[in-house]
Amino acid sequence: KPDEVFLCVNASNRHTVFAWLADHLPKSVSIEDQSDALCLL
């Protein structure tokens, strides 16, 4: 969406990537982990 970028990341790195992005992204954006709410087929 104009205001959303959706990321697909590796399972074993999910928490690492989330923490890395959360630490380095500016405060103008938010990051949400949707992994536990979604399935992927």
Full PDB file with SEQRES, HELIX, SHEET, SSBOND, CRYST1, ORIGX, SCALE, CONECT and MASTER records, all heavy atoms in Angstrom:
SEQRES   1 A   41  LYS PRO ASP GLU VAL PHE LEU CYS VAL ASN ALA SER ASN          
SEQRES   2 A   41  ARG HIS THR VAL PHE ALA TRP LEU ALA ASP HIS LEU PRO          
SEQRES   3 A   41  LYS SER VAL SER ILE GLU ASP GLN SER ASP ALA LEU CYS          
SEQRES   4 A   41  LEU LEU                                                      
HELIX    1 AA1 ALA A   11  ASN A   13  5                                   3    
HELIX    2 AA2 ARG A   14  HIS A   24  1                                  11    
HELIX    3 AA3 SER A   35  ALA A   37  5                                   3    
CRYST1    1.000    1.000    1.000  90.00  90.00  90.00 P 1           1          
ORIGX1      1.000000  0.000000  0.000000        0.00000                         
ORIGX2      0.000000  1.000000  0.000000        0.00000                         
ORIGX3      0.000000  0.000000  1.000000        0.00000                         
SCALE1      1.000000  0.000000  0.000000        0.00000                         
SCALE2      0.000000  1.000000  0.000000        0.00000                         
SCALE3      0.000000  0.000000  1.000000        0.00000                         
ATOM      1  N   LYS A   1       0.856  -1.184   0.000  1.00  0.00           N  
ATOM      2  CA  LYS A   1       0.000   0.000   0.000  1.00  0.00           C  
ATOM      3  C   LYS A   1       0.894   1.236   0.000  1.00  0.00           C  
ATOM      4  O   LYS A   1       2.088   1.133   0.276  1.00  0.00           O  
ATOM      5  CB  LYS A   1      -0.905   0.008   1.233  1.00  0.00           C  
ATOM      6  CG  LYS A   1      -1.854  -1.170   1.336  1.00  0.00           C  
ATOM      7  CD  LYS A   1      -2.618  -1.134   2.648  1.00  0.00           C  
ATOM      8  CE  LYS A   1      -3.518  -2.358   2.796  1.00  0.00           C  
ATOM      9  NZ  LYS A   1      -4.189  -2.381   4.116  1.00  0.00           N  
ATOM     10  N   PRO A   2       0.340   2.408  -0.293  1.00  0.00           N  
ATOM     11  CA  PRO A   2       1.169   3.615  -0.251  1.00  0.00           C  
ATOM     12  C   PRO A   2       1.856   3.815   1.102  1.00  0.00           C  
ATOM     13  O   PRO A   2       2.963   4.364   1.165  1.00  0.00           O  
ATOM     14  CB  PRO A   2       0.169   4.741  -0.535  1.00  0.00           C  
ATOM     15  CG  PRO A   2      -0.915   4.090  -1.335  1.00  0.00           C  
ATOM     16  CD  PRO A   2      -1.027   2.715  -0.782  1.00  0.00           C  
ATOM     17  N   ASP A   3       1.193   3.350   2.174  1.00  0.00           N  
ATOM     18  CA  ASP A   3       1.759   3.545   3.511  1.00  0.00           C  
ATOM     19  C   ASP A   3       2.227   2.234   4.150  1.00  0.00           C  
ATOM     20  O   ASP A   3       2.419   2.164   5.363  1.00  0.00           O  
ATOM     21  CB  ASP A   3       0.744   4.224   4.430  1.00  0.00           C  
ATOM     22  CG  ASP A   3      -0.503   3.376   4.655  1.00  0.00           C  
ATOM     23  OD1 ASP A   3      -0.689   2.374   3.922  1.00  0.00           O  
ATOM     24  OD2 ASP A   3      -1.287   3.708   5.561  1.00  0.00           O  
ATOM     25  N   GLU A   4       2.408   1.170   3.335  1.00  0.00           N  
ATOM     26  CA  GLU A   4       2.816  -0.123   3.911  1.00  0.00           C  
ATOM     27  C   GLU A   4       3.748  -0.892   2.982  1.00  0.00           C  
ATOM     28  O   GLU A   4       3.483  -1.029   1.779  1.00  0.00           O  
ATOM     29  CB  GLU A   4       1.595  -1.001   4.214  1.00  0.00           C  
ATOM     30  CG  GLU A   4       1.966  -2.356   4.805  1.00  0.00           C  
ATOM     31  CD  GLU A   4       0.773  -3.283   5.000  1.00  0.00           C  
ATOM     32  OE1 GLU A   4      -0.348  -2.912   4.573  1.00  0.00           O  
ATOM     33  OE2 GLU A   4       0.965  -4.369   5.553  1.00  0.00           O  
ATOM     34  N   VAL A   5       4.833  -1.397   3.548  1.00  0.00           N  
ATOM     35  CA  VAL A   5       5.690  -2.371   2.886  1.00  0.00           C  
ATOM     36  C   VAL A   5       5.606  -3.655   3.696  1.00  0.00           C  
ATOM     37  O   VAL A   5       5.819  -3.656   4.912  1.00  0.00           O  
ATOM     38  CB  VAL A   5       7.150  -1.893   2.788  1.00  0.00           C  
ATOM     39  CG1 VAL A   5       8.030  -2.996   2.202  1.00  0.00           C  
ATOM     40  CG2 VAL A   5       7.245  -0.640   1.928  1.00  0.00           C  
ATOM     41  N   PHE A   6       5.264  -4.738   3.027  1.00  0.00           N  
ATOM     42  CA  PHE A   6       5.071  -6.049   3.647  1.00  0.00           C  
ATOM     43  C   PHE A   6       6.309  -6.887   3.364  1.00  0.00           C  
ATOM     44  O   PHE A   6       6.751  -6.985   2.213  1.00  0.00           O  
ATOM     45  CB  PHE A   6       3.814  -6.687   3.047  1.00  0.00           C  
ATOM     46  CG  PHE A   6       3.406  -8.003   3.638  1.00  0.00           C  
ATOM     47  CD1 PHE A   6       2.877  -8.071   4.913  1.00  0.00           C  
ATOM     48  CD2 PHE A   6       3.508  -9.168   2.894  1.00  0.00           C  
ATOM     49  CE1 PHE A   6       2.464  -9.288   5.454  1.00  0.00           C  
ATOM     50  CE2 PHE A   6       3.101 -10.379   3.409  1.00  0.00           C  
ATOM     51  CZ  PHE A   6       2.575 -10.443   4.703  1.00  0.00           C  
ATOM     52  N   LEU A   7       6.890  -7.488   4.392  1.00  0.00           N  
ATOM     53  CA  LEU A   7       8.135  -8.228   4.240  1.00  0.00           C  
ATOM     54  C   LEU A   7       7.941  -9.709   4.540  1.00  0.00           C  
ATOM     55  O   LEU A   7       7.293 -10.066   5.532  1.00  0.00           O  
ATOM     56  CB  LEU A   7       9.206  -7.682   5.191  1.00  0.00           C  
ATOM     57  CG  LEU A   7       9.510  -6.187   5.140  1.00  0.00           C  
ATOM     58  CD1 LEU A   7      10.517  -5.824   6.223  1.00  0.00           C  
ATOM     59  CD2 LEU A   7      10.033  -5.786   3.762  1.00  0.00           C  
ATOM     60  N   CYS A   8       8.489 -10.549   3.695  1.00  0.00           N  
ATOM     61  CA  CYS A   8       8.544 -11.988   3.973  1.00  0.00           C  
ATOM     62  C   CYS A   8       9.996 -12.314   4.308  1.00  0.00           C  
ATOM     63  O   CYS A   8      10.898 -12.070   3.496  1.00  0.00           O  
ATOM     64  CB  CYS A   8       8.065 -12.800   2.774  1.00  0.00           C  
ATOM     65  SG  CYS A   8       8.032 -14.586   3.100  1.00  0.00           S  
ATOM     66  N   VAL A   9      10.216 -12.878   5.509  1.00  0.00           N  
ATOM     67  CA  VAL A   9      11.572 -13.146   5.990  1.00  0.00           C  
ATOM     68  C   VAL A   9      11.699 -14.619   6.355  1.00  0.00           C  
ATOM     69  O   VAL A   9      10.706 -15.333   6.515  1.00  0.00           O  
ATOM     70  CB  VAL A   9      11.909 -12.253   7.210  1.00  0.00           C  
ATOM     71  CG1 VAL A   9      11.688 -10.783   6.869  1.00  0.00           C  
ATOM     72  CG2 VAL A   9      11.069 -12.637   8.429  1.00  0.00           C  
ATOM     73  N   ASN A  10      12.942 -15.075   6.501  1.00  0.00           N  
ATOM     74  CA  ASN A  10      13.180 -16.471   6.859  1.00  0.00           C  
ATOM     75  C   ASN A  10      12.760 -16.756   8.298  1.00  0.00           C  
ATOM     76  O   ASN A  10      12.950 -15.924   9.187  1.00  0.00           O  
ATOM     77  CB  ASN A  10      14.654 -16.817   6.667  1.00  0.00           C  
ATOM     78  CG  ASN A  10      14.990 -17.021   5.204  1.00  0.00           C  
ATOM     79  OD1 ASN A  10      14.462 -17.905   4.544  1.00  0.00           O  
ATOM     80  ND2 ASN A  10      15.873 -16.176   4.677  1.00  0.00           N  
ATOM     81  N   ALA A  11      12.227 -17.950   8.507  1.00  0.00           N  
ATOM     82  CA  ALA A  11      11.702 -18.316   9.827  1.00  0.00           C  
ATOM     83  C   ALA A  11      12.759 -18.218  10.916  1.00  0.00           C  
ATOM     84  O   ALA A  11      12.507 -17.659  11.996  1.00  0.00           O  
ATOM     85  CB  ALA A  11      11.143 -19.742   9.772  1.00  0.00           C  
ATOM     86  N   SER A  12      13.942 -18.747  10.656  1.00  0.00           N  
ATOM     87  CA  SER A  12      14.977 -18.779  11.686  1.00  0.00           C  
ATOM     88  C   SER A  12      15.532 -17.391  11.999  1.00  0.00           C  
ATOM     89  O   SER A  12      16.164 -17.192  13.035  1.00  0.00           O  
ATOM     90  CB  SER A  12      16.119 -19.703  11.256  1.00  0.00           C  
ATOM     91  OG  SER A  12      16.642 -19.300  10.004  1.00  0.00           O  
ATOM     92  N   ASN A  13      15.275 -16.422  11.101  1.00  0.00           N  
ATOM     93  CA  ASN A  13      15.776 -15.058  11.303  1.00  0.00           C  
ATOM     94  C   ASN A  13      14.687 -14.066  11.663  1.00  0.00           C  
ATOM     95  O   ASN A  13      14.961 -12.874  11.828  1.00  0.00           O  
ATOM     96  CB  ASN A  13      16.477 -14.561  10.031  1.00  0.00           C  
ATOM     97  CG  ASN A  13      17.696 -15.380   9.700  1.00  0.00           C  
ATOM     98  OD1 ASN A  13      18.361 -15.900  10.599  1.00  0.00           O  
ATOM     99  ND2 ASN A  13      17.998 -15.523   8.431  1.00  0.00           N  
ATOM    100  N   ARG A  14      13.469 -14.542  11.786  1.00  0.00           N  
ATOM    101  CA  ARG A  14      12.316 -13.652  11.978  1.00  0.00           C  
ATOM    102  C   ARG A  14      12.523 -12.682  13.142  1.00  0.00           C  
ATOM    103  O   ARG A  14      12.368 -11.466  12.974  1.00  0.00           O  
ATOM    104  CB  ARG A  14      11.073 -14.511  12.212  1.00  0.00           C  
ATOM    105  CG  ARG A  14       9.883 -13.778  12.777  1.00  0.00           C  
ATOM    106  CD  ARG A  14       8.803 -14.781  13.148  1.00  0.00           C  
ATOM    107  NE  ARG A  14       7.862 -14.238  14.106  1.00  0.00           N  
ATOM    108  CZ  ARG A  14       6.958 -14.980  14.752  1.00  0.00           C  
ATOM    109  NH1 ARG A  14       6.896 -16.285  14.537  1.00  0.00           N  
ATOM    110  NH2 ARG A  14       6.130 -14.426  15.614  1.00  0.00           N  
ATOM    111  N   HIS A  15      12.871 -13.189  14.308  1.00  0.00           N  
ATOM    112  CA  HIS A  15      13.011 -12.332  15.479  1.00  0.00           C  
ATOM    113  C   HIS A  15      14.231 -11.428  15.363  1.00  0.00           C  
ATOM    114  O   HIS A  15      14.201 -10.263  15.791  1.00  0.00           O  
ATOM    115  CB  HIS A  15      13.061 -13.174  16.746  1.00  0.00           C  
ATOM    116  CG  HIS A  15      11.828 -13.994  16.981  1.00  0.00           C  
ATOM    117  ND1 HIS A  15      10.589 -13.420  17.216  1.00  0.00           N  
ATOM    118  CD2 HIS A  15      11.634 -15.341  16.966  1.00  0.00           C  
ATOM    119  CE1 HIS A  15       9.685 -14.380  17.365  1.00  0.00           C  
ATOM    120  NE2 HIS A  15      10.289 -15.551  17.221  1.00  0.00           N  
ATOM    121  N   THR A  16      15.297 -11.958  14.770  1.00  0.00           N  
ATOM    122  CA  THR A  16      16.518 -11.160  14.577  1.00  0.00           C  
ATOM    123  C   THR A  16      16.257  -9.986  13.647  1.00  0.00           C  
ATOM    124  O   THR A  16      16.661  -8.849  13.918  1.00  0.00           O  
ATOM    125  CB  THR A  16      17.646 -12.033  14.000  1.00  0.00           C  
ATOM    126  OG1 THR A  16      17.903 -13.119  14.895  1.00  0.00           O  
ATOM    127  CG2 THR A  16      18.924 -11.235  13.807  1.00  0.00           C  
ATOM    128  N   VAL A  17      15.579 -10.250  12.523  1.00  0.00           N  
ATOM    129  CA  VAL A  17      15.282  -9.197  11.553  1.00  0.00           C  
ATOM    130  C   VAL A  17      14.328  -8.166  12.152  1.00  0.00           C  
ATOM    131  O   VAL A  17      14.516  -6.953  11.975  1.00  0.00           O  
ATOM    132  CB  VAL A  17      14.693  -9.784  10.252  1.00  0.00           C  
ATOM    133  CG1 VAL A  17      14.239  -8.682   9.308  1.00  0.00           C  
ATOM    134  CG2 VAL A  17      15.717 -10.662   9.561  1.00  0.00           C  
ATOM    135  N   PHE A  18      13.311  -8.653  12.864  1.00  0.00           N  
ATOM    136  CA  PHE A  18      12.365  -7.723  13.482  1.00  0.00           C  
ATOM    137  C   PHE A  18      13.100  -6.779  14.436  1.00  0.00           C  
ATOM    138  O   PHE A  18      12.899  -5.557  14.393  1.00  0.00           O  
ATOM    139  CB  PHE A  18      11.284  -8.490  14.237  1.00  0.00           C  
ATOM    140  CG  PHE A  18      10.290  -7.600  14.938  1.00  0.00           C  
ATOM    141  CD1 PHE A  18       9.187  -7.105  14.255  1.00  0.00           C  
ATOM    142  CD2 PHE A  18      10.468  -7.233  16.268  1.00  0.00           C  
ATOM    143  CE1 PHE A  18       8.280  -6.264  14.890  1.00  0.00           C  
ATOM    144  CE2 PHE A  18       9.570  -6.389  16.908  1.00  0.00           C  
ATOM    145  CZ  PHE A  18       8.473  -5.915  16.216  1.00  0.00           C  
ATOM    146  N   ALA A  19      13.958  -7.337  15.282  1.00  0.00           N  
ATOM    147  CA  ALA A  19      14.692  -6.517  16.249  1.00  0.00           C  
ATOM    148  C   ALA A  19      15.642  -5.548  15.554  1.00  0.00           C  
ATOM    149  O   ALA A  19      15.750  -4.373  15.948  1.00  0.00           O  
ATOM    150  CB  ALA A  19      15.467  -7.412  17.211  1.00  0.00           C  
ATOM    151  N   TRP A  20      16.312  -6.014  14.493  1.00  0.00           N  
ATOM    152  CA  TRP A  20      17.253  -5.164  13.747  1.00  0.00           C  
ATOM    153  C   TRP A  20      16.520  -3.981  13.107  1.00  0.00           C  
ATOM    154  O   TRP A  20      16.954  -2.833  13.211  1.00  0.00           O  
ATOM    155  CB  TRP A  20      17.966  -5.997  12.692  1.00  0.00           C  
ATOM    156  CG  TRP A  20      18.954  -5.229  11.859  1.00  0.00           C  
ATOM    157  CD1 TRP A  20      18.727  -4.649  10.637  1.00  0.00           C  
ATOM    158  CD2 TRP A  20      20.326  -4.936  12.184  1.00  0.00           C  
ATOM    159  NE1 TRP A  20      19.861  -4.033  10.177  1.00  0.00           N  
ATOM    160  CE2 TRP A  20      20.872  -4.184  11.100  1.00  0.00           C  
ATOM    161  CE3 TRP A  20      21.145  -5.230  13.265  1.00  0.00           C  
ATOM    162  CZ2 TRP A  20      22.187  -3.741  11.080  1.00  0.00           C  
ATOM    163  CZ3 TRP A  20      22.471  -4.796  13.243  1.00  0.00           C  
ATOM    164  CH2 TRP A  20      22.967  -4.059  12.169  1.00  0.00           C  
ATOM    165  N   LEU A  21      15.406  -4.282  12.454  1.00  0.00           N  
ATOM    166  CA  LEU A  21      14.640  -3.215  11.808  1.00  0.00           C  
ATOM    167  C   LEU A  21      14.058  -2.254  12.846  1.00  0.00           C  
ATOM    168  O   LEU A  21      14.095  -1.037  12.662  1.00  0.00           O  
ATOM    169  CB  LEU A  21      13.523  -3.812  10.945  1.00  0.00           C  
ATOM    170  CG  LEU A  21      13.956  -4.657   9.742  1.00  0.00           C  
ATOM    171  CD1 LEU A  21      12.734  -5.166   8.982  1.00  0.00           C  
ATOM    172  CD2 LEU A  21      14.865  -3.876   8.803  1.00  0.00           C  
ATOM    173  N   ALA A  22      13.517  -2.807  13.916  1.00  0.00           N  
ATOM    174  CA  ALA A  22      12.929  -1.960  14.955  1.00  0.00           C  
ATOM    175  C   ALA A  22      13.964  -1.011  15.551  1.00  0.00           C  
ATOM    176  O   ALA A  22      13.652   0.141  15.880  1.00  0.00           O  
ATOM    177  CB  ALA A  22      12.322  -2.825  16.053  1.00  0.00           C  
ATOM    178  N   ASP A  23      15.200  -1.485  15.662  1.00  0.00           N  
ATOM    179  CA  ASP A  23      16.273  -0.660  16.226  1.00  0.00           C  
ATOM    180  C   ASP A  23      16.762   0.421  15.267  1.00  0.00           C  
ATOM    181  O   ASP A  23      17.285   1.452  15.706  1.00  0.00           O  
ATOM    182  CB  ASP A  23      17.464  -1.538  16.624  1.00  0.00           C  
ATOM    183  CG  ASP A  23      17.207  -2.319  17.900  1.00  0.00           C  
ATOM    184  OD1 ASP A  23      16.232  -1.987  18.606  1.00  0.00           O  
ATOM    185  OD2 ASP A  23      17.960  -3.268  18.172  1.00  0.00           O  
ATOM    186  N   HIS A  24      16.623   0.179  13.961  1.00  0.00           N  
ATOM    187  CA  HIS A  24      17.233   1.080  12.980  1.00  0.00           C  
ATOM    188  C   HIS A  24      16.246   1.903  12.159  1.00  0.00           C  
ATOM    189  O   HIS A  24      16.648   2.843  11.472  1.00  0.00           O  
ATOM    190  CB  HIS A  24      18.144   0.284  12.038  1.00  0.00           C  
ATOM    191  CG  HIS A  24      19.368  -0.269  12.711  1.00  0.00           C  
ATOM    192  ND1 HIS A  24      19.378  -1.496  13.337  1.00  0.00           N  
ATOM    193  CD2 HIS A  24      20.611   0.246  12.871  1.00  0.00           C  
ATOM    194  CE1 HIS A  24      20.577  -1.724  13.838  1.00  0.00           C  
ATOM    195  NE2 HIS A  24      21.345  -0.687  13.572  1.00  0.00           N  
ATOM    196  N   LEU A  25      14.961   1.541  12.184  1.00  0.00           N  
ATOM    197  CA  LEU A  25      13.970   2.321  11.439  1.00  0.00           C  
ATOM    198  C   LEU A  25      13.695   3.641  12.154  1.00  0.00           C  
ATOM    199  O   LEU A  25      13.714   3.706  13.377  1.00  0.00           O  
ATOM    200  CB  LEU A  25      12.667   1.533  11.291  1.00  0.00           C  
ATOM    201  CG  LEU A  25      12.645   0.416  10.255  1.00  0.00           C  
ATOM    202  CD1 LEU A  25      11.407  -0.450  10.433  1.00  0.00           C  
ATOM    203  CD2 LEU A  25      12.709   0.989   8.835  1.00  0.00           C  
ATOM    204  N   PRO A  26      13.406   4.701  11.396  1.00  0.00           N  
ATOM    205  CA  PRO A  26      13.060   5.977  12.026  1.00  0.00           C  
ATOM    206  C   PRO A  26      11.710   5.896  12.728  1.00  0.00           C  
ATOM    207  O   PRO A  26      10.896   5.008  12.435  1.00  0.00           O  
ATOM    208  CB  PRO A  26      13.016   6.944  10.845  1.00  0.00           C  
ATOM    209  CG  PRO A  26      12.725   6.088   9.659  1.00  0.00           C  
ATOM    210  CD  PRO A  26      13.408   4.784   9.927  1.00  0.00           C  
ATOM    211  N   LYS A  27      11.456   6.826  13.620  1.00  0.00           N  
ATOM    212  CA  LYS A  27      10.219   6.820  14.401  1.00  0.00           C  
ATOM    213  C   LYS A  27       9.001   7.195  13.557  1.00  0.00           C  
ATOM    214  O   LYS A  27       7.864   7.098  14.018  1.00  0.00           O  
ATOM    215  CB  LYS A  27      10.352   7.772  15.588  1.00  0.00           C  
ATOM    216  CG  LYS A  27      11.424   7.358  16.588  1.00  0.00           C  
ATOM    217  CD  LYS A  27      11.384   8.215  17.830  1.00  0.00           C  
ATOM    218  CE  LYS A  27      12.529   7.857  18.782  1.00  0.00           C  
ATOM    219  NZ  LYS A  27      12.478   6.450  19.200  1.00  0.00           N  
ATOM    220  N   SER A  28       9.235   7.602  12.314  1.00  0.00           N  
ATOM    221  CA  SER A  28       8.118   7.964  11.426  1.00  0.00           C  
ATOM    222  C   SER A  28       7.348   6.738  10.933  1.00  0.00           C  
ATOM    223  O   SER A  28       6.285   6.876  10.340  1.00  0.00           O  
ATOM    224  CB  SER A  28       8.644   8.752  10.226  1.00  0.00           C  
ATOM    225  OG  SER A  28       9.584   7.977   9.491  1.00  0.00           O  
ATOM    226  N   VAL A  29       7.901   5.536  11.179  1.00  0.00           N  
ATOM    227  CA  VAL A  29       7.216   4.312  10.763  1.00  0.00           C  
ATOM    228  C   VAL A  29       7.112   3.365  11.949  1.00  0.00           C  
ATOM    229  O   VAL A  29       7.860   3.467  12.922  1.00  0.00           O  
ATOM    230  CB  VAL A  29       7.941   3.596   9.602  1.00  0.00           C  
ATOM    231  CG1 VAL A  29       7.947   4.452   8.350  1.00  0.00           C  
ATOM    232  CG2 VAL A  29       9.352   3.185   9.994  1.00  0.00           C  
ATOM    233  N   SER A  30       6.170   2.428  11.841  1.00  0.00           N  
ATOM    234  CA  SER A  30       6.012   1.385  12.855  1.00  0.00           C  
ATOM    235  C   SER A  30       6.245   0.033  12.199  1.00  0.00           C  
ATOM    236  O   SER A  30       6.102  -0.113  10.982  1.00  0.00           O  
ATOM    237  CB  SER A  30       4.611   1.432  13.463  1.00  0.00           C  
ATOM    238  OG  SER A  30       3.633   1.164  12.467  1.00  0.00           O  
ATOM    239  N   ILE A  31       6.620  -0.959  12.988  1.00  0.00           N  
ATOM    240  CA  ILE A  31       6.820  -2.307  12.453  1.00  0.00           C  
ATOM    241  C   ILE A  31       6.016  -3.289  13.292  1.00  0.00           C  
ATOM    242  O   ILE A  31       5.990  -3.204  14.522  1.00  0.00           O  
ATOM    243  CB  ILE A  31       8.318  -2.687  12.411  1.00  0.00           C  
ATOM    244  CG1 ILE A  31       8.489  -4.093  11.801  1.00  0.00           C  
ATOM    245  CG2 ILE A  31       8.973  -2.573  13.774  1.00  0.00           C  
ATOM    246  CD1 ILE A  31       9.919  -4.440  11.469  1.00  0.00           C  
ATOM    247  N   GLU A  32       5.325  -4.194  12.619  1.00  0.00           N  
ATOM    248  CA  GLU A  32       4.483  -5.190  13.287  1.00  0.00           C  
ATOM    249  C   GLU A  32       4.834  -6.574  12.776  1.00  0.00           C  
ATOM    250  O   GLU A  32       4.991  -6.789  11.573  1.00  0.00           O  
ATOM    251  CB  GLU A  32       3.003  -4.897  13.006  1.00  0.00           C  
ATOM    252  CG  GLU A  32       2.053  -5.903  13.635  1.00  0.00           C  
ATOM    253  CD  GLU A  32       0.613  -5.720  13.183  1.00  0.00           C  
ATOM    254  OE1 GLU A  32       0.352  -4.800  12.363  1.00  0.00           O  
ATOM    255  OE2 GLU A  32      -0.246  -6.495  13.628  1.00  0.00           O  
ATOM    256  N   ASP A  33       4.975  -7.525  13.691  1.00  0.00           N  
ATOM    257  CA  ASP A  33       5.211  -8.925  13.331  1.00  0.00           C  
ATOM    258  C   ASP A  33       3.865  -9.613  13.217  1.00  0.00           C  
ATOM    259  O   ASP A  33       3.162  -9.808  14.208  1.00  0.00           O  
ATOM    260  CB  ASP A  33       6.076  -9.600  14.396  1.00  0.00           C  
ATOM    261  CG  ASP A  33       6.523 -11.001  13.979  1.00  0.00           C  
ATOM    262  OD1 ASP A  33       5.923 -11.555  13.041  1.00  0.00           O  
ATOM    263  OD2 ASP A  33       7.472 -11.529  14.591  1.00  0.00           O  
ATOM    264  N   GLN A  34       3.475  -9.981  11.995  1.00  0.00           N  
ATOM    265  CA  GLN A  34       2.179 -10.616  11.742  1.00  0.00           C  
ATOM    266  C   GLN A  34       2.293 -12.129  11.582  1.00  0.00           C  
ATOM    267  O   GLN A  34       1.317 -12.805  11.265  1.00  0.00           O  
ATOM    268  CB  GLN A  34       1.553 -10.020  10.479  1.00  0.00           C  
ATOM    269  CG  GLN A  34       1.249  -8.533  10.568  1.00  0.00           C  
ATOM    270  CD  GLN A  34       0.575  -8.010   9.307  1.00  0.00           C  
ATOM    271  OE1 GLN A  34       0.939  -8.359   8.190  1.00  0.00           O  
ATOM    272  NE2 GLN A  34      -0.426  -7.160   9.490  1.00  0.00           N  
ATOM    273  N   SER A  35       3.478 -12.658  11.813  1.00  0.00           N  
ATOM    274  CA  SER A  35       3.768 -14.064  11.505  1.00  0.00           C  
ATOM    275  C   SER A  35       2.820 -15.046  12.185  1.00  0.00           C  
ATOM    276  O   SER A  35       2.406 -16.048  11.583  1.00  0.00           O  
ATOM    277  CB  SER A  35       5.200 -14.403  11.898  1.00  0.00           C  
ATOM    278  OG  SER A  35       6.106 -13.458  11.384  1.00  0.00           O  
ATOM    279  N   ASP A  36       2.499 -14.801  13.436  1.00  0.00           N  
ATOM    280  CA  ASP A  36       1.670 -15.751  14.177  1.00  0.00           C  
ATOM    281  C   ASP A  36       0.199 -15.691  13.787  1.00  0.00           C  
ATOM    282  O   ASP A  36      -0.578 -16.567  14.180  1.00  0.00           O  
ATOM    283  CB  ASP A  36       1.811 -15.508  15.686  1.00  0.00           C  
ATOM    284  CG  ASP A  36       3.197 -15.873  16.195  1.00  0.00           C  
ATOM    285  OD1 ASP A  36       3.874 -16.683  15.542  1.00  0.00           O  
ATOM    286  OD2 ASP A  36       3.606 -15.324  17.235  1.00  0.00           O  
ATOM    287  N   ALA A  37      -0.193 -14.686  13.026  1.00  0.00           N  
ATOM    288  CA  ALA A  37      -1.595 -14.553  12.613  1.00  0.00           C  
ATOM    289  C   ALA A  37      -1.830 -15.058  11.198  1.00  0.00           C  
ATOM    290  O   ALA A  37      -2.974 -15.217  10.775  1.00  0.00           O  
ATOM    291  CB  ALA A  37      -2.038 -13.093  12.711  1.00  0.00           C  
ATOM    292  N   LEU A  38      -0.735 -15.308  10.466  1.00  0.00           N  
ATOM    293  CA  LEU A  38      -0.853 -15.663   9.052  1.00  0.00           C  
ATOM    294  C   LEU A  38      -0.260 -17.031   8.737  1.00  0.00           C  
ATOM    295  O   LEU A  38       0.713 -17.460   9.363  1.00  0.00           O  
ATOM    296  CB  LEU A  38      -0.139 -14.619   8.179  1.00  0.00           C  
ATOM    297  CG  LEU A  38      -0.682 -13.196   8.213  1.00  0.00           C  
ATOM    298  CD1 LEU A  38       0.235 -12.270   7.420  1.00  0.00           C  
ATOM    299  CD2 LEU A  38      -2.100 -13.149   7.655  1.00  0.00           C  
ATOM    300  N   CYS A  39      -0.842 -17.679   7.761  1.00  0.00           N  
ATOM    301  CA  CYS A  39      -0.263 -18.874   7.148  1.00  0.00           C  
ATOM    302  C   CYS A  39       0.180 -18.510   5.736  1.00  0.00           C  
ATOM    303  O   CYS A  39      -0.289 -17.520   5.149  1.00  0.00           O  
ATOM    304  CB  CYS A  39      -1.275 -20.009   7.091  1.00  0.00           C  
ATOM    305  SG  CYS A  39      -1.491 -20.883   8.657  1.00  0.00           S  
ATOM    306  N   LEU A  40       1.078 -19.309   5.207  1.00  0.00           N  
ATOM    307  CA  LEU A  40       1.569 -19.080   3.849  1.00  0.00           C  
ATOM    308  C   LEU A  40       1.576 -20.401   3.093  1.00  0.00           C  
ATOM    309  O   LEU A  40       2.276 -21.350   3.478  1.00  0.00           O  
ATOM    310  CB  LEU A  40       2.970 -18.472   3.890  1.00  0.00           C  
ATOM    311  CG  LEU A  40       3.684 -18.254   2.550  1.00  0.00           C  
ATOM    312  CD1 LEU A  40       2.843 -17.395   1.607  1.00  0.00           C  
ATOM    313  CD2 LEU A  40       5.055 -17.607   2.781  1.00  0.00           C  
ATOM    314  N   LEU A  41       0.784 -20.463   2.038  1.00  0.00           N  
ATOM    315  CA  LEU A  41       0.718 -21.632   1.175  1.00  0.00           C  
ATOM    316  C   LEU A  41       1.265 -21.245  -0.191  1.00  0.00           C  
ATOM    317  O   LEU A  41       1.015 -20.140  -0.674  1.00  0.00           O  
ATOM    318  CB  LEU A  41      -0.717 -22.138   1.029  1.00  0.00           C  
ATOM    319  CG  LEU A  41      -1.479 -22.418   2.326  1.00  0.00           C  
ATOM    320  CD1 LEU A  41      -2.895 -22.897   2.013  1.00  0.00           C  
ATOM    321  CD2 LEU A  41      -0.747 -23.435   3.179  1.00  0.00           C  
TER     322      LEU A  41                                                      
MASTER        0    0    0    3    0    0    0    6  321    1    0    4          
END                                                                             
